[in-house]
Amino acid sequence: MSAWLQRLAAWDARLSARLRVDERPYLRRLATVAAHFGDGPLWFLLWAAGLLWLPEPTRRPILLWVGASLAAAVVTYSIKFTLKRPRPAEVKGFYSRTYDRHAFPSGHATRMGTLPVFGAWIFPDLAPLFWTISLACLWARVALGIHFLADVIVGWLIGAGVSLVVTGYW
């Protein structure tokens, strides 16, 4: 790794460590809940519910959302399994311990990057809620030490970028 990449990684690790909430039980509990907002099974369940129960004009954008999320996941996991950056820590109760040991970029953050774009496109009145959920999940993943800050920023940018291309806003 080049010297500037090593310095960048060290800076990222220091900043991420400062964002940890290990010694603050209330914030740790809040972060534990928010960190799961980006869980894949939850999103597949929500998308399926939307396809089953929302009116017809809403179904096509949801299918586009699923497609954008899958495309963004391909980008994210291609990078993730090429670079194989280790996580800052393994945290009990998170499937990173067995399913996905690599940190960069964050798959949860990638899903969360699609949320404010597609959520606001489909349900404009709920845009502030989607932004809040998205950013809370990113904060939580770093606050618990599951990811470095760069992991969630880059993952979020991949999800949002692919979503902007798919929705035609780019």
Protein backbone atom coordinates (compact mmCIF):
# COMPACT_ATOMS: atom_id res chain seq x y z
CA MET A 1 0.00 0.00 0.00
CA SER A 2 1.36 3.43 -0.89
CA ALA A 3 2.34 5.91 1.82
CA TRP A 4 -0.59 8.25 1.14
CA LEU A 5 -3.08 5.35 1.31
CA GLN A 6 -1.53 4.26 4.60
CA ARG A 7 -1.88 7.81 5.98
CA LEU A 8 -5.49 7.98 4.76
CA ALA A 9 -6.28 4.61 6.35
CA ALA A 10 -4.68 5.69 9.63
CA TRP A 11 -6.67 8.95 9.63
CA ASP A 12 -9.86 7.01 8.89
CA ALA A 13 -9.14 4.61 11.77
CA ARG A 14 -8.46 7.47 14.22
CA LEU A 15 -11.60 9.39 13.24
CA SER A 16 -13.72 6.25 13.33
CA ALA A 17 -12.40 5.40 16.82
CA ARG A 18 -13.43 8.85 18.06
CA LEU A 19 -17.01 8.17 16.88
CA ARG A 20 -17.31 4.94 18.91
CA VAL A 21 -19.95 4.81 21.67
CA ASP A 22 -18.54 1.93 23.71
CA GLU A 23 -18.70 3.77 27.04
CA ARG A 24 -22.14 5.33 26.51
CA PRO A 25 -24.81 2.64 27.09
CA TYR A 26 -27.79 4.72 25.88
CA LEU A 27 -26.09 5.61 22.60
CA ARG A 28 -24.83 2.06 22.24
CA ARG A 29 -28.40 0.67 22.52
CA LEU A 30 -29.66 3.25 20.01
CA ALA A 31 -26.80 2.45 17.64
CA THR A 32 -27.46 -1.28 17.92
CA VAL A 33 -31.02 -0.77 16.67
CA ALA A 34 -30.06 1.73 13.95
CA ALA A 35 -27.21 -0.47 12.68
CA HIS A 36 -29.76 -3.07 11.60
CA PHE A 37 -31.82 -0.61 9.50
CA GLY A 38 -29.76 -1.66 6.50
CA ASP A 39 -30.10 -5.44 6.95
CA GLY A 40 -30.75 -7.13 3.60
CA PRO A 41 -33.55 -9.45 4.76
CA LEU A 42 -35.44 -6.48 6.21
CA TRP A 43 -35.26 -4.64 2.88
CA PHE A 44 -36.33 -7.67 0.86
CA LEU A 45 -39.33 -8.00 3.19
CA LEU A 46 -40.20 -4.29 2.84
CA TRP A 47 -39.86 -4.37 -0.95
CA ALA A 48 -42.01 -7.52 -1.14
CA ALA A 49 -44.68 -5.90 1.06
CA GLY A 50 -44.66 -2.83 -1.17
CA LEU A 51 -45.03 -4.93 -4.30
CA LEU A 52 -47.90 -6.88 -2.76
CA TRP A 53 -49.87 -4.14 -1.04
CA LEU A 54 -49.13 -0.77 -2.60
CA PRO A 55 -51.12 0.42 -5.63
CA GLU A 56 -49.98 -0.38 -9.16
CA PRO A 57 -48.30 2.96 -10.00
CA THR A 58 -45.93 2.46 -7.05
CA ARG A 59 -44.83 -1.05 -7.98
CA ARG A 60 -42.64 -0.12 -10.96
CA PRO A 61 -40.51 2.34 -8.94
CA ILE A 62 -40.13 -0.31 -6.22
CA LEU A 63 -38.92 -2.81 -8.83
CA LEU A 64 -36.46 -0.19 -10.07
CA TRP A 65 -35.34 0.31 -6.46
CA VAL A 66 -34.72 -3.43 -6.07
CA GLY A 67 -32.81 -3.46 -9.36
CA ALA A 68 -30.72 -0.44 -8.38
CA SER A 69 -29.96 -2.00 -5.01
CA LEU A 70 -28.85 -5.24 -6.64
CA ALA A 71 -26.68 -3.36 -9.16
CA ALA A 72 -25.13 -1.29 -6.36
CA ALA A 73 -24.53 -4.49 -4.37
CA VAL A 74 -22.62 -5.99 -7.31
CA VAL A 75 -20.36 -2.92 -7.38
CA THR A 76 -19.94 -2.92 -3.60
CA TYR A 77 -19.19 -6.61 -3.24
CA SER A 78 -16.83 -6.61 -6.23
CA ILE A 79 -14.78 -3.94 -4.46
CA LYS A 80 -15.21 -5.56 -1.05
CA PHE A 81 -13.96 -9.00 -2.06
CA THR A 82 -11.14 -7.54 -4.15
CA LEU A 83 -9.73 -5.26 -1.44
CA LYS A 84 -10.70 -7.39 1.59
CA ARG A 85 -10.28 -4.57 4.10
CA PRO A 86 -10.77 -5.99 7.59
CA ARG A 87 -13.41 -4.55 9.88
CA PRO A 88 -12.30 -2.52 12.89
CA ALA A 89 -13.87 -5.17 15.16
CA GLU A 90 -16.17 -8.15 15.14
CA VAL A 91 -19.29 -7.34 17.14
CA LYS A 92 -21.46 -10.05 18.66
CA GLY A 93 -25.00 -10.04 17.26
CA PHE A 94 -24.02 -8.97 13.75
CA TYR A 95 -23.75 -11.37 10.86
CA SER A 96 -20.44 -9.84 9.83
CA ARG A 97 -18.93 -12.42 12.17
CA THR A 98 -19.80 -15.26 9.80
CA TYR A 99 -21.25 -13.93 6.55
CA ASP A 100 -19.18 -10.92 5.55
CA ARG A 101 -15.85 -10.26 7.21
CA HIS A 102 -14.79 -7.45 4.87
CA ALA A 103 -15.49 -3.80 5.58
CA PHE A 104 -14.89 -1.64 2.52
CA PRO A 105 -17.32 -0.56 1.22
CA SER A 106 -20.25 -1.19 3.53
CA GLY A 107 -23.14 -3.19 2.07
CA HIS A 108 -25.52 -1.72 4.65
CA ALA A 109 -24.45 1.77 3.67
CA THR A 110 -24.95 0.89 0.00
CA ARG A 111 -28.59 -0.04 0.72
CA MET A 112 -28.94 3.10 2.84
CA GLY A 113 -27.66 5.18 -0.09
CA THR A 114 -30.60 4.00 -2.17
CA LEU A 115 -33.11 4.94 0.54
CA PRO A 116 -33.19 8.75 0.33
CA VAL A 117 -33.09 8.67 -3.48
CA PHE A 118 -35.82 6.10 -4.11
CA GLY A 119 -37.77 6.81 -0.93
CA ALA A 120 -38.05 10.51 -1.79
CA TRP A 121 -38.85 9.70 -5.43
CA ILE A 122 -41.69 7.33 -4.51
CA PHE A 123 -42.90 9.03 -1.29
CA PRO A 124 -41.74 12.68 -1.44
CA ASP A 125 -43.52 13.67 1.79
CA LEU A 126 -41.42 11.15 3.72
CA ALA A 127 -38.04 12.33 2.39
CA PRO A 128 -36.85 13.69 5.79
CA LEU A 129 -37.63 10.34 7.41
CA PHE A 130 -35.66 8.45 4.74
CA TRP A 131 -32.66 10.75 5.18
CA THR A 132 -32.82 10.32 8.95
CA ILE A 133 -32.98 6.52 8.76
CA SER A 134 -30.18 6.42 6.19
CA LEU A 135 -27.78 8.63 8.13
CA ALA A 136 -28.64 6.99 11.47
CA CYS A 137 -27.64 3.59 10.08
CA LEU A 138 -24.33 4.95 8.78
CA TRP A 139 -23.55 6.60 12.12
CA ALA A 140 -24.47 3.42 14.00
CA ARG A 141 -22.23 1.15 11.94
CA VAL A 142 -19.23 3.36 12.76
CA ALA A 143 -20.32 4.06 16.37
CA LEU A 144 -20.41 0.32 17.11
CA GLY A 145 -17.06 -0.30 15.46
CA ILE A 146 -18.46 -2.53 12.73
CA HIS A 147 -17.12 -0.21 10.02
CA PHE A 148 -14.68 2.59 9.49
CA LEU A 149 -16.10 5.94 8.41
CA ALA A 150 -14.73 5.59 4.87
CA ASP A 151 -16.53 2.23 4.53
CA VAL A 152 -19.94 3.79 5.09
CA ILE A 153 -19.27 6.96 3.09
CA VAL A 154 -18.13 5.07 0.00
CA GLY A 155 -20.89 2.46 0.34
CA TRP A 156 -23.51 5.21 0.67
CA LEU A 157 -22.13 7.03 -2.38
CA ILE A 158 -22.28 3.83 -4.46
CA GLY A 159 -25.92 3.23 -3.48
CA ALA A 160 -26.95 6.83 -4.05
CA GLY A 161 -24.99 7.09 -7.30
CA VAL A 162 -26.49 3.96 -8.84
CA SER A 163 -29.93 5.09 -7.67
CA LEU A 164 -29.51 8.50 -9.29
CA VAL A 165 -28.53 6.85 -12.57
CA VAL A 166 -31.50 4.49 -12.44
CA THR A 167 -34.02 7.21 -11.58
CA GLY A 168 -32.64 9.47 -14.28
CA TYR A 169 -31.65 12.29 -11.94
CA TRP A 170 -27.94 12.07 -12.65
